Structures are given as C-alpha cells and as structure tokens.
Amino acid sequence: MQTIQTIEQTIQENLAVMLYFSAPTCNVCHALKPKLLEAIDRNFKEFTIVTVDISVEQEIAAHFSVFAIPTVLVFLDGREFLRKSRHMSVDEVIREIRRPYEIMIS
C-alpha cells in the first residue's frame, strides 16, 4: 500500500517522476495507461512511474488535488512540472516533457 509519504519520498529521490491517477471503472484510464507508459519508457530512461488507484487511495488523490481521472502529474527535480487531466494525448504529454527533461539530464 502506498502512502503520501512514500510518494513524496519517491518524488524527492528521483530526477523524473510521473504519477498516474486512475480507477478500475475508468475505461479511458485503461486505454491510455499502456500507451503512455510505453512512450515514457521509450523516450525517457530516467523516469519513475507511480500508479495511484483513487478508488483505494482517495487520501493521496486529495493530497495532490486530483479530482478527475485519468490525471497525470509529472515532477522534474522534485517540482511539479506538468498536470494533465481527462483529455490528453500521448504525443502531447511527451512533447511537453521532452525539452525540459533533456535540459535537466544534460
């Protein structure tokens, strides 16, 4: 079971972290997740990905002010850099992360 503290620790200890908020009843979440995770893995080698099921971990969702699913939060160097909810494309997420990520790891 994840906690707010373990997720916050993951964010602080890793250069790039993605939190993926979803729920078992969300069909969009299930369609987007494998495509997004594969694109992140293919494009960015230093990413840690944490999946949060908001039906089980409502406190974590509230802590990060997540009120819609799917929601993606990207943290670069410990700071929230990107927040996308509901309507997003994989290409859009990758495009918005690429330049700051490459600057950060160079």
N, C-alpha and C. Protein backbone atom coordinates (compact mmCIF):
# COMPACT_ATOMS: atom_id res chain seq x y z
N MET A 1 0.84 -1.19 0.00
CA MET A 1 0.00 0.00 0.00
C MET A 1 0.88 1.25 0.00
N GLN A 2 0.57 2.17 -0.88
CA GLN A 2 1.32 3.42 -0.97
C GLN A 2 0.81 4.40 0.07
N THR A 3 1.69 5.31 0.44
CA THR A 3 1.29 6.40 1.33
C THR A 3 1.73 7.71 0.72
N ILE A 4 1.17 8.79 1.24
CA ILE A 4 1.59 10.11 0.77
C ILE A 4 3.09 10.28 1.01
N GLN A 5 3.56 9.80 2.15
CA GLN A 5 4.98 9.95 2.50
C GLN A 5 5.88 9.18 1.54
N THR A 6 5.50 7.95 1.17
CA THR A 6 6.35 7.19 0.25
C THR A 6 6.37 7.81 -1.14
N ILE A 7 5.24 8.35 -1.56
CA ILE A 7 5.20 9.01 -2.87
C ILE A 7 6.02 10.29 -2.84
N GLU A 8 5.87 11.08 -1.79
CA GLU A 8 6.67 12.31 -1.66
C GLU A 8 8.16 11.98 -1.64
N GLN A 9 8.53 10.90 -0.97
CA GLN A 9 9.93 10.48 -0.92
C GLN A 9 10.41 10.07 -2.31
N THR A 10 9.58 9.35 -3.05
CA THR A 10 9.92 8.96 -4.42
C THR A 10 10.16 10.20 -5.28
N ILE A 11 9.31 11.20 -5.13
CA ILE A 11 9.44 12.44 -5.91
C ILE A 11 10.76 13.14 -5.58
N GLN A 12 11.13 13.16 -4.31
CA GLN A 12 12.37 13.84 -3.90
C GLN A 12 13.63 13.07 -4.28
N GLU A 13 13.55 11.75 -4.32
CA GLU A 13 14.73 10.92 -4.56
C GLU A 13 15.01 10.63 -6.03
N ASN A 14 14.07 10.94 -6.90
CA ASN A 14 14.24 10.64 -8.32
C ASN A 14 14.19 11.90 -9.16
N LEU A 15 14.95 11.91 -10.22
CA LEU A 15 15.03 13.07 -11.10
C LEU A 15 13.71 13.37 -11.80
N ALA A 16 13.04 12.33 -12.27
CA ALA A 16 11.79 12.49 -13.02
C ALA A 16 10.78 11.45 -12.54
N VAL A 17 9.59 11.93 -12.14
CA VAL A 17 8.56 11.03 -11.62
C VAL A 17 7.23 11.38 -12.28
N MET A 18 6.51 10.34 -12.67
CA MET A 18 5.15 10.52 -13.18
C MET A 18 4.20 9.81 -12.23
N LEU A 19 3.17 10.53 -11.78
CA LEU A 19 2.08 9.93 -11.03
C LEU A 19 0.92 9.77 -11.99
N TYR A 20 0.40 8.57 -12.08
CA TYR A 20 -0.73 8.28 -12.96
C TYR A 20 -1.92 7.89 -12.09
N PHE A 21 -2.93 8.76 -12.04
CA PHE A 21 -4.11 8.54 -11.22
C PHE A 21 -5.22 7.95 -12.09
N SER A 22 -5.79 6.83 -11.62
CA SER A 22 -6.85 6.18 -12.37
C SER A 22 -7.75 5.42 -11.39
N ALA A 23 -8.72 4.70 -11.95
CA ALA A 23 -9.62 3.86 -11.16
C ALA A 23 -10.04 2.67 -12.02
N PRO A 24 -10.40 1.57 -11.39
CA PRO A 24 -10.80 0.38 -12.15
C PRO A 24 -12.00 0.60 -13.07
N THR A 25 -12.85 1.54 -12.75
CA THR A 25 -14.05 1.77 -13.56
C THR A 25 -13.83 2.74 -14.72
N CYS A 26 -12.62 3.24 -14.87
CA CYS A 26 -12.31 4.25 -15.90
C CYS A 26 -11.76 3.58 -17.16
N ASN A 27 -12.60 3.49 -18.19
CA ASN A 27 -12.16 2.87 -19.44
C ASN A 27 -11.09 3.69 -20.15
N VAL A 28 -11.19 5.00 -20.10
CA VAL A 28 -10.19 5.86 -20.72
C VAL A 28 -8.83 5.63 -20.05
N CYS A 29 -8.85 5.52 -18.73
CA CYS A 29 -7.61 5.28 -17.97
C CYS A 29 -6.91 4.01 -18.46
N HIS A 30 -7.69 2.95 -18.64
CA HIS A 30 -7.13 1.66 -19.05
C HIS A 30 -6.63 1.68 -20.49
N ALA A 31 -7.25 2.47 -21.34
CA ALA A 31 -6.81 2.59 -22.74
C ALA A 31 -5.55 3.43 -22.84
N LEU A 32 -5.47 4.50 -22.05
CA LEU A 32 -4.35 5.43 -22.12
C LEU A 32 -3.09 4.90 -21.45
N LYS A 33 -3.25 4.25 -20.32
CA LYS A 33 -2.11 3.86 -19.49
C LYS A 33 -1.02 3.07 -20.23
N PRO A 34 -1.32 1.96 -20.90
CA PRO A 34 -0.23 1.21 -21.54
C PRO A 34 0.48 2.02 -22.63
N LYS A 35 -0.27 2.82 -23.36
CA LYS A 35 0.34 3.63 -24.42
C LYS A 35 1.26 4.69 -23.83
N LEU A 36 0.79 5.34 -22.78
CA LEU A 36 1.58 6.40 -22.15
C LEU A 36 2.82 5.83 -21.47
N LEU A 37 2.69 4.73 -20.75
CA LEU A 37 3.84 4.15 -20.06
C LEU A 37 4.89 3.66 -21.05
N GLU A 38 4.44 3.09 -22.15
CA GLU A 38 5.38 2.62 -23.17
C GLU A 38 6.11 3.81 -23.81
N ALA A 39 5.40 4.89 -24.07
CA ALA A 39 6.02 6.09 -24.67
C ALA A 39 7.01 6.73 -23.70
N ILE A 40 6.67 6.78 -22.43
CA ILE A 40 7.60 7.33 -21.43
C ILE A 40 8.85 6.47 -21.37
N ASP A 41 8.68 5.17 -21.31
CA ASP A 41 9.81 4.24 -21.24
C ASP A 41 10.70 4.35 -22.48
N ARG A 42 10.09 4.51 -23.64
CA ARG A 42 10.83 4.59 -24.89
C ARG A 42 11.59 5.91 -25.03
N ASN A 43 11.03 7.01 -24.52
CA ASN A 43 11.61 8.33 -24.72
C ASN A 43 12.47 8.87 -23.57
N PHE A 44 12.21 8.39 -22.37
CA PHE A 44 12.88 8.95 -21.19
C PHE A 44 13.35 7.81 -20.29
N LYS A 45 14.63 7.62 -20.19
CA LYS A 45 15.17 6.49 -19.43
C LYS A 45 15.18 6.71 -17.92
N GLU A 46 15.14 7.95 -17.49
CA GLU A 46 15.26 8.25 -16.06
C GLU A 46 13.92 8.50 -15.37
N PHE A 47 12.84 7.94 -15.85
CA PHE A 47 11.53 8.20 -15.27
C PHE A 47 11.12 7.10 -14.30
N THR A 48 10.59 7.50 -13.15
CA THR A 48 9.95 6.59 -12.22
C THR A 48 8.45 6.82 -12.34
N ILE A 49 7.69 5.75 -12.47
CA ILE A 49 6.25 5.88 -12.66
C ILE A 49 5.53 5.25 -11.47
N VAL A 50 4.61 6.02 -10.90
CA VAL A 50 3.81 5.56 -9.77
C VAL A 50 2.35 5.62 -10.20
N THR A 51 1.65 4.51 -10.07
CA THR A 51 0.23 4.45 -10.41
C THR A 51 -0.58 4.51 -9.12
N VAL A 52 -1.58 5.36 -9.10
CA VAL A 52 -2.43 5.53 -7.92
C VAL A 52 -3.88 5.21 -8.30
N ASP A 53 -4.45 4.23 -7.63
CA ASP A 53 -5.86 3.87 -7.82
C ASP A 53 -6.67 4.73 -6.84
N ILE A 54 -7.38 5.71 -7.37
CA ILE A 54 -8.08 6.64 -6.48
C ILE A 54 -9.28 6.00 -5.80
N SER A 55 -9.73 4.87 -6.26
CA SER A 55 -10.84 4.20 -5.58
C SER A 55 -10.37 3.60 -4.25
N VAL A 56 -9.08 3.35 -4.15
CA VAL A 56 -8.49 2.79 -2.93
C VAL A 56 -7.75 3.87 -2.13
N GLU A 57 -7.06 4.74 -2.85
CA GLU A 57 -6.18 5.71 -2.20
C GLU A 57 -6.69 7.14 -2.41
N GLN A 58 -7.87 7.40 -1.86
CA GLN A 58 -8.50 8.71 -2.01
C GLN A 58 -7.71 9.82 -1.32
N GLU A 59 -7.07 9.50 -0.20
CA GLU A 59 -6.26 10.50 0.52
C GLU A 59 -5.12 11.01 -0.34
N ILE A 60 -4.51 10.11 -1.08
CA ILE A 60 -3.39 10.50 -1.94
C ILE A 60 -3.90 11.41 -3.05
N ALA A 61 -5.02 11.07 -3.66
CA ALA A 61 -5.60 11.91 -4.70
C ALA A 61 -5.91 13.30 -4.15
N ALA A 62 -6.50 13.35 -2.97
CA ALA A 62 -6.83 14.65 -2.36
C ALA A 62 -5.57 15.45 -2.05
N HIS A 63 -4.54 14.78 -1.57
CA HIS A 63 -3.27 15.45 -1.26
C HIS A 63 -2.69 16.15 -2.49
N PHE A 64 -2.80 15.50 -3.64
CA PHE A 64 -2.26 16.07 -4.88
C PHE A 64 -3.32 16.85 -5.66
N SER A 65 -4.46 17.12 -5.06
CA SER A 65 -5.55 17.89 -5.68
C SER A 65 -5.98 17.30 -7.01
N VAL A 66 -6.17 16.00 -7.02
CA VAL A 66 -6.63 15.29 -8.21
C VAL A 66 -8.12 15.01 -8.04
N PHE A 67 -8.92 15.57 -8.94
CA PHE A 67 -10.38 15.46 -8.84
C PHE A 67 -11.01 14.82 -10.08
N ALA A 68 -10.20 14.49 -11.08
CA ALA A 68 -10.70 13.86 -12.30
C ALA A 68 -9.70 12.78 -12.71
N ILE A 69 -10.20 11.79 -13.43
CA ILE A 69 -9.30 10.75 -13.93
C ILE A 69 -9.53 10.53 -15.41
N PRO A 70 -8.53 10.13 -16.15
CA PRO A 70 -7.16 9.98 -15.69
C PRO A 70 -6.49 11.34 -15.46
N THR A 71 -5.57 11.36 -14.53
CA THR A 71 -4.74 12.55 -14.31
C THR A 71 -3.29 12.10 -14.27
N VAL A 72 -2.45 12.87 -14.94
CA VAL A 72 -1.01 12.63 -14.97
C VAL A 72 -0.33 13.84 -14.34
N LEU A 73 0.52 13.58 -13.37
CA LEU A 73 1.37 14.63 -12.79
C LEU A 73 2.81 14.24 -13.06
N VAL A 74 3.57 15.19 -13.58
CA VAL A 74 4.99 14.95 -13.84
C VAL A 74 5.80 15.88 -12.94
N PHE A 75 6.73 15.28 -12.23
CA PHE A 75 7.62 16.03 -11.35
C PHE A 75 9.04 15.92 -11.92
N LEU A 76 9.67 17.05 -12.12
CA LEU A 76 11.06 17.09 -12.57
C LEU A 76 11.87 17.77 -11.47
N ASP A 77 12.91 17.08 -11.02
CA ASP A 77 13.79 17.59 -9.97
C ASP A 77 12.99 18.00 -8.72
N GLY A 78 11.98 17.19 -8.36
CA GLY A 78 11.22 17.41 -7.15
C GLY A 78 10.09 18.41 -7.23
N ARG A 79 9.88 19.01 -8.39
CA ARG A 79 8.83 20.03 -8.53
C ARG A 79 7.81 19.60 -9.58
N GLU A 80 6.55 19.93 -9.29
CA GLU A 80 5.51 19.61 -10.27
C GLU A 80 5.75 20.44 -11.52
N PHE A 81 5.87 19.76 -12.64
CA PHE A 81 6.13 20.43 -13.91
C PHE A 81 4.91 20.39 -14.83
N LEU A 82 4.18 19.30 -14.82
CA LEU A 82 3.08 19.12 -15.76
C LEU A 82 1.91 18.44 -15.07
N ARG A 83 0.70 18.92 -15.39
CA ARG A 83 -0.53 18.33 -14.87
C ARG A 83 -1.51 18.25 -16.04
N LYS A 84 -1.94 17.04 -16.34
CA LYS A 84 -2.92 16.81 -17.40
C LYS A 84 -4.04 15.95 -16.85
N SER A 85 -5.27 16.34 -17.14
CA SER A 85 -6.42 15.57 -16.70
C SER A 85 -7.38 15.33 -17.86
N ARG A 86 -8.01 14.19 -17.81
CA ARG A 86 -9.05 13.77 -18.73
C ARG A 86 -8.62 13.72 -20.18
N HIS A 87 -8.63 14.85 -20.86
CA HIS A 87 -8.38 14.87 -22.31
C HIS A 87 -6.92 15.18 -22.58
N MET A 88 -6.19 14.15 -22.97
CA MET A 88 -4.77 14.33 -23.29
C MET A 88 -4.38 13.26 -24.31
N SER A 89 -3.37 13.58 -25.07
CA SER A 89 -2.84 12.57 -25.98
C SER A 89 -1.44 12.20 -25.51
N VAL A 90 -1.02 11.02 -25.86
CA VAL A 90 0.33 10.57 -25.51
C VAL A 90 1.36 11.50 -26.12
N ASP A 91 1.18 11.86 -27.39
CA ASP A 91 2.13 12.74 -28.07
C ASP A 91 2.23 14.10 -27.38
N GLU A 92 1.12 14.62 -26.94
CA GLU A 92 1.09 15.91 -26.25
C GLU A 92 1.89 15.85 -24.95
N VAL A 93 1.71 14.80 -24.18
CA VAL A 93 2.45 14.66 -22.92
C VAL A 93 3.96 14.53 -23.19
N ILE A 94 4.32 13.70 -24.14
CA ILE A 94 5.74 13.50 -24.48
C ILE A 94 6.36 14.81 -24.96
N ARG A 95 5.66 15.51 -25.82
CA ARG A 95 6.16 16.78 -26.37
C ARG A 95 6.41 17.80 -25.26
N GLU A 96 5.51 17.89 -24.30
CA GLU A 96 5.65 18.88 -23.24
C GLU A 96 6.77 18.54 -22.25
N ILE A 97 7.10 17.27 -22.13
CA ILE A 97 8.16 16.85 -21.20
C ILE A 97 9.54 16.90 -21.84
N ARG A 98 9.63 16.63 -23.14
CA ARG A 98 10.92 16.39 -23.80
C ARG A 98 11.99 17.45 -23.55
N ARG A 99 11.72 18.68 -23.87
CA ARG A 99 12.77 19.72 -23.78
C ARG A 99 13.26 19.93 -22.34
N PRO A 100 12.37 20.17 -21.37
CA PRO A 100 12.88 20.35 -20.00
C PRO A 100 13.59 19.11 -19.46
N TYR A 101 13.13 17.93 -19.84
CA TYR A 101 13.78 16.69 -19.41
C TYR A 101 15.20 16.62 -19.96
N GLU A 102 15.34 16.89 -21.26
CA GLU A 102 16.66 16.82 -21.89
C GLU A 102 17.62 17.87 -21.30
N ILE A 103 17.11 19.05 -21.02
CA ILE A 103 17.94 20.09 -20.39
C ILE A 103 18.37 19.62 -19.00
N MET A 104 17.47 19.04 -18.27
CA MET A 104 17.74 18.63 -16.90
C MET A 104 18.80 17.51 -16.83
N ILE A 105 18.77 16.56 -17.76
CA ILE A 105 19.71 15.45 -17.68
C ILE A 105 21.02 15.72 -18.42
N SER A 106 21.12 16.82 -19.15
CA SER A 106 22.36 17.08 -19.90
C SER A 106 23.42 17.72 -19.02
